[in-house]
Amino acid sequence: MKNIKRLNILLRVMMILGIGAYLLMLIMATVGGYSAIDKIVIDGETLKEWNPIFISKLIINTICFILCLIGINTLRIATEDFYRRQLFNDVVSKAFKRIGQLIIIGTLIYIILNWFAEFFFSFTRTTTINASYLINASAALFFFTLSTMIEKAKGIQNENDLTI
């Protein structure tokens, strides 16, 4: 149980650091003005000026970052139930299913909105499939499978409780 408690603490720290880093970046970009613009890097490109492609990519990355934070918080909630030894309940099953859905939604939003941003603002028609998309799909399938296993284990536990 110590490992689950450590995981829960790590997830809390990740949330706090993630929110803090993002707020610091926003403050640096807005308060720092044009002197801070050359320090912002989005998708491997350094921001030289405020143009529509960078603004759209900043918005897209913000949406995906928020979805990631929601997923981390959902996993934190599930680990709290594990810590209380409530392994096979609906909250944990739904939490894992929600994490899988968030991963898929975040990946699709990132792919589709980036394609639209490139198409409308830089007029390029390139489509790339990254290995990270496959890793995200694998992670989502893992959480869906874990959710299904917990639901089945809950059913087996209920049957076992009824058996004399």
N, C-alpha and C. Protein backbone atom coordinates (compact mmCIF):
# COMPACT_ATOMS: atom_id res chain seq x y z
N MET A 1 0.81 -1.20 0.00
CA MET A 1 0.00 0.00 0.00
C MET A 1 0.85 1.26 0.00
N LYS A 2 2.11 1.14 0.41
CA LYS A 2 2.98 2.31 0.40
C LYS A 2 3.20 2.81 -1.02
N ASN A 3 3.31 1.86 -1.97
CA ASN A 3 3.53 2.26 -3.36
C ASN A 3 2.34 3.03 -3.92
N ILE A 4 1.14 2.62 -3.55
CA ILE A 4 -0.06 3.33 -4.02
C ILE A 4 -0.10 4.72 -3.41
N LYS A 5 0.25 4.83 -2.15
CA LYS A 5 0.29 6.15 -1.50
C LYS A 5 1.33 7.04 -2.17
N ARG A 6 2.49 6.47 -2.51
CA ARG A 6 3.52 7.25 -3.20
C ARG A 6 3.05 7.68 -4.58
N LEU A 7 2.36 6.79 -5.29
CA LEU A 7 1.82 7.14 -6.60
C LEU A 7 0.83 8.28 -6.48
N ASN A 8 -0.02 8.23 -5.46
CA ASN A 8 -1.00 9.29 -5.24
C ASN A 8 -0.30 10.62 -4.97
N ILE A 9 0.74 10.60 -4.15
CA ILE A 9 1.49 11.82 -3.87
C ILE A 9 2.17 12.33 -5.13
N LEU A 10 2.74 11.41 -5.93
CA LEU A 10 3.38 11.81 -7.19
C LEU A 10 2.38 12.44 -8.15
N LEU A 11 1.17 11.90 -8.22
CA LEU A 11 0.15 12.48 -9.08
C LEU A 11 -0.26 13.86 -8.61
N ARG A 12 -0.34 14.05 -7.30
CA ARG A 12 -0.65 15.39 -6.76
C ARG A 12 0.45 16.38 -7.11
N VAL A 13 1.71 15.96 -6.97
CA VAL A 13 2.83 16.83 -7.30
C VAL A 13 2.84 17.16 -8.79
N MET A 14 2.55 16.17 -9.63
CA MET A 14 2.48 16.42 -11.08
C MET A 14 1.41 17.45 -11.41
N MET A 15 0.26 17.34 -10.76
CA MET A 15 -0.81 18.32 -11.00
C MET A 15 -0.37 19.72 -10.60
N ILE A 16 0.20 19.84 -9.41
CA ILE A 16 0.61 21.16 -8.92
C ILE A 16 1.70 21.75 -9.79
N LEU A 17 2.71 20.94 -10.13
CA LEU A 17 3.79 21.43 -10.97
C LEU A 17 3.31 21.77 -12.38
N GLY A 18 2.41 20.95 -12.91
CA GLY A 18 1.87 21.21 -14.25
C GLY A 18 1.10 22.52 -14.31
N ILE A 19 0.23 22.72 -13.35
CA ILE A 19 -0.55 23.96 -13.31
C ILE A 19 0.38 25.15 -13.09
N GLY A 20 1.34 25.00 -12.17
CA GLY A 20 2.28 26.09 -11.90
C GLY A 20 3.12 26.44 -13.11
N ALA A 21 3.64 25.44 -13.81
CA ALA A 21 4.46 25.70 -14.99
C ALA A 21 3.65 26.38 -16.09
N TYR A 22 2.42 25.92 -16.27
CA TYR A 22 1.59 26.53 -17.31
C TYR A 22 1.24 27.97 -16.96
N LEU A 23 0.88 28.24 -15.70
CA LEU A 23 0.58 29.61 -15.30
C LEU A 23 1.82 30.50 -15.41
N LEU A 24 2.97 29.96 -15.07
CA LEU A 24 4.21 30.73 -15.20
C LEU A 24 4.48 31.08 -16.67
N MET A 25 4.22 30.12 -17.58
CA MET A 25 4.42 30.40 -18.99
C MET A 25 3.47 31.48 -19.47
N LEU A 26 2.21 31.42 -19.03
CA LEU A 26 1.25 32.44 -19.44
C LEU A 26 1.62 33.81 -18.90
N ILE A 27 2.04 33.85 -17.65
CA ILE A 27 2.45 35.13 -17.05
C ILE A 27 3.67 35.67 -17.77
N MET A 28 4.63 34.80 -18.08
CA MET A 28 5.83 35.22 -18.77
C MET A 28 5.50 35.77 -20.16
N ALA A 29 4.56 35.13 -20.85
CA ALA A 29 4.20 35.56 -22.19
C ALA A 29 3.43 36.88 -22.18
N THR A 30 2.56 37.06 -21.19
CA THR A 30 1.74 38.28 -21.19
C THR A 30 2.44 39.45 -20.53
N VAL A 31 3.06 39.24 -19.38
CA VAL A 31 3.73 40.33 -18.68
C VAL A 31 5.06 40.65 -19.32
N GLY A 32 5.77 39.61 -19.75
CA GLY A 32 7.08 39.83 -20.35
C GLY A 32 7.03 40.53 -21.69
N GLY A 33 5.88 40.47 -22.32
CA GLY A 33 5.72 41.14 -23.61
C GLY A 33 6.59 40.51 -24.67
N TYR A 34 7.08 41.34 -25.58
CA TYR A 34 7.85 40.83 -26.71
C TYR A 34 9.24 40.34 -26.31
N SER A 35 9.73 40.71 -25.14
CA SER A 35 11.04 40.22 -24.72
C SER A 35 10.98 38.74 -24.35
N ALA A 36 9.80 38.24 -23.98
CA ALA A 36 9.66 36.85 -23.58
C ALA A 36 9.20 35.95 -24.72
N ILE A 37 8.81 36.55 -25.85
CA ILE A 37 8.24 35.76 -26.93
C ILE A 37 9.25 34.76 -27.49
N ASP A 38 10.52 35.15 -27.62
CA ASP A 38 11.49 34.25 -28.22
C ASP A 38 11.87 33.08 -27.32
N LYS A 39 11.33 33.02 -26.12
CA LYS A 39 11.62 31.91 -25.21
C LYS A 39 10.51 30.86 -25.21
N ILE A 40 9.42 31.10 -25.92
CA ILE A 40 8.31 30.16 -25.97
C ILE A 40 8.51 29.20 -27.14
N VAL A 41 8.47 27.90 -26.86
CA VAL A 41 8.64 26.88 -27.88
C VAL A 41 7.38 26.04 -27.91
N ILE A 42 6.77 25.94 -29.10
CA ILE A 42 5.57 25.13 -29.29
C ILE A 42 5.84 24.16 -30.43
N ASP A 43 5.67 22.87 -30.16
CA ASP A 43 5.90 21.81 -31.15
C ASP A 43 7.28 21.91 -31.79
N GLY A 44 8.28 22.25 -30.99
CA GLY A 44 9.65 22.30 -31.48
C GLY A 44 10.02 23.57 -32.23
N GLU A 45 9.09 24.50 -32.36
CA GLU A 45 9.36 25.75 -33.06
C GLU A 45 9.34 26.88 -32.06
N THR A 46 10.34 27.77 -32.16
CA THR A 46 10.41 28.92 -31.28
C THR A 46 9.51 30.03 -31.81
N LEU A 47 8.74 30.60 -30.91
CA LEU A 47 7.80 31.65 -31.28
C LEU A 47 8.57 32.94 -31.57
N LYS A 48 8.48 33.42 -32.80
CA LYS A 48 9.17 34.65 -33.19
C LYS A 48 8.24 35.85 -33.11
N GLU A 49 6.99 35.64 -33.43
CA GLU A 49 6.01 36.71 -33.38
C GLU A 49 4.63 36.08 -33.16
N TRP A 50 3.69 36.91 -32.74
CA TRP A 50 2.34 36.41 -32.51
C TRP A 50 1.64 36.34 -33.86
N ASN A 51 1.60 35.15 -34.44
CA ASN A 51 0.87 34.96 -35.69
C ASN A 51 -0.21 33.90 -35.47
N PRO A 52 -1.16 33.81 -36.37
CA PRO A 52 -2.30 32.91 -36.14
C PRO A 52 -1.92 31.44 -35.93
N ILE A 53 -0.88 30.97 -36.61
CA ILE A 53 -0.52 29.55 -36.46
C ILE A 53 -0.02 29.26 -35.04
N PHE A 54 0.78 30.17 -34.50
CA PHE A 54 1.29 29.95 -33.13
C PHE A 54 0.18 30.14 -32.09
N ILE A 55 -0.70 31.10 -32.31
CA ILE A 55 -1.81 31.28 -31.38
C ILE A 55 -2.72 30.06 -31.39
N SER A 56 -3.00 29.53 -32.59
CA SER A 56 -3.86 28.34 -32.67
C SER A 56 -3.17 27.13 -32.04
N LYS A 57 -1.86 26.98 -32.25
CA LYS A 57 -1.15 25.86 -31.62
C LYS A 57 -1.10 26.02 -30.11
N LEU A 58 -1.00 27.26 -29.64
CA LEU A 58 -1.02 27.49 -28.20
C LEU A 58 -2.37 27.09 -27.61
N ILE A 59 -3.44 27.42 -28.30
CA ILE A 59 -4.79 27.06 -27.84
C ILE A 59 -4.96 25.54 -27.87
N ILE A 60 -4.50 24.89 -28.95
CA ILE A 60 -4.61 23.44 -29.07
C ILE A 60 -3.84 22.75 -27.95
N ASN A 61 -2.61 23.21 -27.71
CA ASN A 61 -1.81 22.61 -26.64
C ASN A 61 -2.42 22.86 -25.27
N THR A 62 -3.07 24.02 -25.10
CA THR A 62 -3.75 24.30 -23.83
C THR A 62 -4.90 23.33 -23.60
N ILE A 63 -5.68 23.08 -24.64
CA ILE A 63 -6.80 22.13 -24.52
C ILE A 63 -6.28 20.74 -24.17
N CYS A 64 -5.24 20.28 -24.87
CA CYS A 64 -4.68 18.96 -24.59
C CYS A 64 -4.05 18.90 -23.20
N PHE A 65 -3.45 20.00 -22.76
CA PHE A 65 -2.85 20.04 -21.42
C PHE A 65 -3.94 19.94 -20.35
N ILE A 66 -5.05 20.62 -20.55
CA ILE A 66 -6.16 20.56 -19.60
C ILE A 66 -6.72 19.13 -19.55
N LEU A 67 -6.87 18.50 -20.71
CA LEU A 67 -7.35 17.11 -20.74
C LEU A 67 -6.38 16.18 -20.02
N CYS A 68 -5.09 16.43 -20.17
CA CYS A 68 -4.08 15.63 -19.48
C CYS A 68 -4.19 15.81 -17.96
N LEU A 69 -4.39 17.04 -17.52
CA LEU A 69 -4.54 17.29 -16.08
C LEU A 69 -5.80 16.63 -15.53
N ILE A 70 -6.87 16.64 -16.30
CA ILE A 70 -8.10 15.96 -15.88
C ILE A 70 -7.84 14.46 -15.75
N GLY A 71 -7.10 13.88 -16.71
CA GLY A 71 -6.75 12.46 -16.65
C GLY A 71 -5.89 12.13 -15.43
N ILE A 72 -4.92 12.99 -15.13
CA ILE A 72 -4.07 12.77 -13.95
C ILE A 72 -4.91 12.84 -12.68
N ASN A 73 -5.82 13.80 -12.61
CA ASN A 73 -6.68 13.92 -11.42
C ASN A 73 -7.60 12.70 -11.30
N THR A 74 -8.11 12.20 -12.41
CA THR A 74 -8.96 11.02 -12.38
C THR A 74 -8.18 9.80 -11.90
N LEU A 75 -6.94 9.65 -12.35
CA LEU A 75 -6.10 8.56 -11.88
C LEU A 75 -5.79 8.71 -10.39
N ARG A 76 -5.62 9.93 -9.93
CA ARG A 76 -5.38 10.18 -8.51
C ARG A 76 -6.59 9.74 -7.68
N ILE A 77 -7.78 10.03 -8.16
CA ILE A 77 -9.00 9.62 -7.46
C ILE A 77 -9.09 8.09 -7.41
N ALA A 78 -8.74 7.43 -8.52
CA ALA A 78 -8.78 5.96 -8.54
C ALA A 78 -7.76 5.37 -7.57
N THR A 79 -6.58 5.97 -7.47
CA THR A 79 -5.57 5.44 -6.54
C THR A 79 -6.00 5.65 -5.09
N GLU A 80 -6.78 6.68 -4.82
CA GLU A 80 -7.29 6.86 -3.46
C GLU A 80 -8.22 5.71 -3.08
N ASP A 81 -9.05 5.26 -4.03
CA ASP A 81 -9.91 4.10 -3.76
C ASP A 81 -9.07 2.84 -3.56
N PHE A 82 -7.99 2.70 -4.33
CA PHE A 82 -7.09 1.57 -4.12
C PHE A 82 -6.50 1.61 -2.73
N TYR A 83 -6.12 2.79 -2.29
CA TYR A 83 -5.51 2.93 -0.97
C TYR A 83 -6.50 2.55 0.13
N ARG A 84 -7.78 2.82 -0.09
CA ARG A 84 -8.81 2.45 0.87
C ARG A 84 -9.25 1.00 0.71
N ARG A 85 -8.53 0.26 -0.14
CA ARG A 85 -8.79 -1.15 -0.42
C ARG A 85 -10.16 -1.39 -1.06
N GLN A 86 -10.62 -0.44 -1.82
CA GLN A 86 -11.86 -0.59 -2.59
C GLN A 86 -11.46 -0.78 -4.05
N LEU A 87 -10.98 -1.99 -4.34
CA LEU A 87 -10.40 -2.24 -5.66
C LEU A 87 -11.44 -2.43 -6.74
N PHE A 88 -12.52 -3.11 -6.42
CA PHE A 88 -13.49 -3.49 -7.44
C PHE A 88 -14.80 -2.75 -7.25
N ASN A 89 -14.80 -1.46 -7.51
CA ASN A 89 -16.05 -0.71 -7.43
C ASN A 89 -16.26 0.08 -8.72
N ASP A 90 -17.44 0.64 -8.83
CA ASP A 90 -17.80 1.35 -10.06
C ASP A 90 -16.97 2.62 -10.27
N VAL A 91 -16.55 3.26 -9.19
CA VAL A 91 -15.78 4.50 -9.30
C VAL A 91 -14.45 4.24 -9.99
N VAL A 92 -13.77 3.18 -9.61
CA VAL A 92 -12.47 2.85 -10.20
C VAL A 92 -12.65 2.46 -11.67
N SER A 93 -13.65 1.63 -11.94
CA SER A 93 -13.90 1.20 -13.31
C SER A 93 -14.23 2.39 -14.21
N LYS A 94 -15.10 3.26 -13.74
CA LYS A 94 -15.46 4.45 -14.53
C LYS A 94 -14.28 5.41 -14.67
N ALA A 95 -13.44 5.47 -13.64
CA ALA A 95 -12.27 6.35 -13.71
C ALA A 95 -11.31 5.88 -14.80
N PHE A 96 -11.06 4.58 -14.87
CA PHE A 96 -10.15 4.08 -15.90
C PHE A 96 -10.75 4.24 -17.30
N LYS A 97 -12.06 4.03 -17.41
CA LYS A 97 -12.70 4.23 -18.70
C LYS A 97 -12.62 5.70 -19.11
N ARG A 98 -12.80 6.60 -18.15
CA ARG A 98 -12.73 8.03 -18.44
C ARG A 98 -11.32 8.45 -18.86
N ILE A 99 -10.31 7.86 -18.22
CA ILE A 99 -8.92 8.17 -18.59
C ILE A 99 -8.67 7.74 -20.04
N GLY A 100 -9.13 6.55 -20.40
CA GLY A 100 -8.98 6.09 -21.78
C GLY A 100 -9.68 7.00 -22.77
N GLN A 101 -10.89 7.44 -22.41
CA GLN A 101 -11.61 8.37 -23.28
C GLN A 101 -10.89 9.71 -23.41
N LEU A 102 -10.34 10.20 -22.30
CA LEU A 102 -9.61 11.47 -22.34
C LEU A 102 -8.37 11.37 -23.21
N ILE A 103 -7.68 10.25 -23.15
CA ILE A 103 -6.49 10.07 -23.99
C ILE A 103 -6.87 10.08 -25.47
N ILE A 104 -7.93 9.36 -25.81
CA ILE A 104 -8.37 9.32 -27.21
C ILE A 104 -8.86 10.69 -27.67
N ILE A 105 -9.67 11.35 -26.86
CA ILE A 105 -10.18 12.67 -27.21
C ILE A 105 -9.04 13.67 -27.36
N GLY A 106 -8.10 13.66 -26.43
CA GLY A 106 -6.96 14.57 -26.51
C GLY A 106 -6.12 14.35 -27.75
N THR A 107 -5.88 13.08 -28.08
CA THR A 107 -5.09 12.77 -29.27
C THR A 107 -5.81 13.19 -30.54
N LEU A 108 -7.10 12.89 -30.63
CA LEU A 108 -7.87 13.28 -31.81
C LEU A 108 -7.96 14.80 -31.95
N ILE A 109 -8.19 15.49 -30.83
CA ILE A 109 -8.23 16.95 -30.88
C ILE A 109 -6.90 17.50 -31.38
N TYR A 110 -5.82 16.95 -30.86
CA TYR A 110 -4.50 17.42 -31.26
C TYR A 110 -4.25 17.20 -32.75
N ILE A 111 -4.57 16.01 -33.24
CA ILE A 111 -4.33 15.69 -34.65
C ILE A 111 -5.21 16.55 -35.55
N ILE A 112 -6.51 16.58 -35.27
CA ILE A 112 -7.45 17.27 -36.16
C ILE A 112 -7.25 18.78 -36.12
N LEU A 113 -7.16 19.36 -34.93
CA LEU A 113 -7.02 20.81 -34.85
C LEU A 113 -5.66 21.29 -35.37
N ASN A 114 -4.60 20.51 -35.17
CA ASN A 114 -3.32 20.88 -35.75
C ASN A 114 -3.37 20.85 -37.27
N TRP A 115 -4.05 19.85 -37.81
CA TRP A 115 -4.18 19.77 -39.27
C TRP A 115 -4.95 20.98 -39.80
N PHE A 116 -6.06 21.33 -39.13
CA PHE A 116 -6.82 22.51 -39.56
C PHE A 116 -6.00 23.79 -39.42
N ALA A 117 -5.25 23.92 -38.34
CA ALA A 117 -4.43 25.12 -38.15
C ALA A 117 -3.37 25.22 -39.24
N GLU A 118 -2.72 24.13 -39.55
CA GLU A 118 -1.71 24.14 -40.62
C GLU A 118 -2.37 24.45 -41.96
N PHE A 119 -3.53 23.85 -42.20
CA PHE A 119 -4.20 24.03 -43.48
C PHE A 119 -4.67 25.47 -43.68
N PHE A 120 -5.28 26.08 -42.67
CA PHE A 120 -5.86 27.40 -42.83
C PHE A 120 -4.86 28.54 -42.63
N PHE A 121 -3.84 28.34 -41.78
CA PHE A 121 -2.96 29.45 -41.48
C PHE A 121 -1.61 29.39 -42.17
N SER A 122 -1.11 28.20 -42.48
CA SER A 122 0.17 28.15 -43.18
C SER A 122 0.04 27.52 -44.56
N PHE A 123 -1.16 27.11 -44.91
CA PHE A 123 -1.50 26.60 -46.24
C PHE A 123 -0.64 25.40 -46.66
N THR A 124 -0.26 24.60 -45.70
CA THR A 124 0.44 23.35 -46.03
C THR A 124 -0.53 22.20 -45.84
N ARG A 125 -0.35 21.20 -46.63
CA ARG A 125 -1.24 20.04 -46.57
C ARG A 125 -0.45 18.78 -46.22
N THR A 126 0.23 18.83 -45.10
CA THR A 126 1.01 17.68 -44.67
C THR A 126 0.27 16.95 -43.56
N THR A 127 0.36 15.66 -43.61
CA THR A 127 -0.22 14.83 -42.56
C THR A 127 0.87 13.89 -42.08
N THR A 128 1.16 13.96 -40.79
CA THR A 128 2.18 13.07 -40.23
C THR A 128 1.55 12.22 -39.14
N ILE A 129 2.00 11.00 -39.08
CA ILE A 129 1.56 10.10 -38.01
C ILE A 129 2.79 9.83 -37.16
N ASN A 130 2.71 10.28 -35.95
CA ASN A 130 3.80 10.14 -34.99
C ASN A 130 3.70 8.82 -34.26
N ALA A 131 4.81 8.37 -33.72
CA ALA A 131 4.78 7.19 -32.86
C ALA A 131 4.03 7.49 -31.57
N SER A 132 4.02 8.78 -31.17
CA SER A 132 3.32 9.14 -29.93
C SER A 132 1.82 8.91 -30.06
N TYR A 133 1.27 9.02 -31.28
CA TYR A 133 -0.15 8.75 -31.46
C TYR A 133 -0.44 7.28 -31.19
N LEU A 134 0.45 6.41 -31.64
CA LEU A 134 0.28 4.97 -31.40
C LEU A 134 0.45 4.64 -29.92
N ILE A 135 1.36 5.32 -29.27
CA ILE A 135 1.55 5.12 -27.83
C ILE A 135 0.30 5.58 -27.07
N ASN A 136 -0.27 6.71 -27.49
CA ASN A 136 -1.50 7.19 -26.86
C ASN A 136 -2.64 6.21 -27.07
N ALA A 137 -2.76 5.67 -28.29
CA ALA A 137 -3.82 4.69 -28.55
C ALA A 137 -3.61 3.44 -27.70
N SER A 138 -2.36 3.01 -27.55
CA SER A 138 -2.08 1.84 -26.72
C SER A 138 -2.42 2.11 -25.26
N ALA A 139 -2.08 3.29 -24.77
CA ALA A 139 -2.41 3.64 -23.38
C ALA A 139 -3.92 3.68 -23.18
N ALA A 140 -4.65 4.23 -24.15
CA ALA A 140 -6.11 4.29 -24.04
C ALA A 140 -6.69 2.88 -24.01
N LEU A 141 -6.20 2.01 -24.89
CA LEU A 141 -6.69 0.63 -24.89
C LEU A 141 -6.35 -0.09 -23.59
N PHE A 142 -5.19 0.21 -23.02
CA PHE A 142 -4.82 -0.37 -21.73
C PHE A 142 -5.83 0.03 -20.66
N PHE A 143 -6.19 1.31 -20.60
CA PHE A 143 -7.14 1.75 -19.58
C PHE A 143 -8.54 1.19 -19.83
N PHE A 144 -8.95 1.05 -21.11
CA PHE A 144 -10.24 0.42 -21.39
C PHE A 144 -10.23 -1.04 -20.94
N THR A 145 -9.14 -1.75 -21.21
CA THR A 145 -9.02 -3.15 -20.80
C THR A 145 -9.04 -3.27 -19.29
N LEU A 146 -8.31 -2.39 -18.62
CA LEU A 146 -8.28 -2.40 -17.15
C LEU A 146 -9.68 -2.14 -16.58
N SER A 147 -10.41 -1.23 -17.20
CA SER A 147 -11.78 -0.94 -16.75
C SER A 147 -12.67 -2.18 -16.90
N THR A 148 -12.55 -2.86 -18.03
CA THR A 148 -13.34 -4.06 -18.25
C THR A 148 -12.97 -5.16 -17.27
N MET A 149 -11.67 -5.30 -16.99
CA MET A 149 -11.23 -6.33 -16.03
C MET A 149 -11.77 -6.03 -14.64
N ILE A 150 -11.79 -4.78 -14.25
CA ILE A 150 -12.31 -4.43 -12.92
C ILE A 150 -13.80 -4.70 -12.84
N GLU A 151 -14.54 -4.41 -13.93
CA GLU A 151 -15.98 -4.69 -13.95
C GLU A 151 -16.22 -6.19 -13.81
N LYS A 152 -15.45 -7.00 -14.54
CA LYS A 152 -15.62 -8.46 -14.45
C LYS A 152 -15.21 -8.97 -13.08
N ALA A 153 -14.15 -8.44 -12.51
CA ALA A 153 -13.71 -8.86 -11.17
C ALA A 153 -14.76 -8.49 -10.13
N LYS A 154 -15.42 -7.35 -10.33
CA LYS A 154 -16.49 -6.96 -9.41
C LYS A 154 -17.65 -7.96 -9.48
N GLY A 155 -17.99 -8.39 -10.69
CA GLY A 155 -19.04 -9.39 -10.85
C GLY A 155 -18.67 -10.70 -10.19
N ILE A 156 -17.41 -11.13 -10.35
CA ILE A 156 -16.96 -12.37 -9.72
C ILE A 156 -16.96 -12.22 -8.20
N GLN A 157 -16.56 -11.06 -7.70
CA GLN A 157 -16.56 -10.83 -6.25
C GLN A 157 -17.98 -10.87 -5.71
N ASN A 158 -18.93 -10.27 -6.45
CA ASN A 158 -20.33 -10.31 -5.99
C ASN A 158 -20.87 -11.73 -5.97
N GLU A 159 -20.53 -12.56 -6.98
CA GLU A 159 -20.95 -13.94 -6.99
C GLU A 159 -20.32 -14.71 -5.83
N ASN A 160 -19.07 -14.41 -5.58
CA ASN A 160 -18.35 -15.08 -4.49
C ASN A 160 -18.94 -14.71 -3.13
N ASP A 161 -19.38 -13.46 -2.96
CA ASP A 161 -19.99 -13.05 -1.72
C ASP A 161 -21.33 -13.77 -1.48
N LEU A 162 -22.04 -14.12 -2.56
CA LEU A 162 -23.32 -14.79 -2.42
C LEU A 162 -23.17 -16.30 -2.17
N THR A 163 -21.99 -16.84 -2.51
CA THR A 163 -21.76 -18.28 -2.33
C THR A 163 -21.47 -18.58 -0.87
N ILE A 164 -22.06 -19.67 -0.38
CA ILE A 164 -21.86 -20.04 1.02
C ILE A 164 -20.57 -20.80 1.16
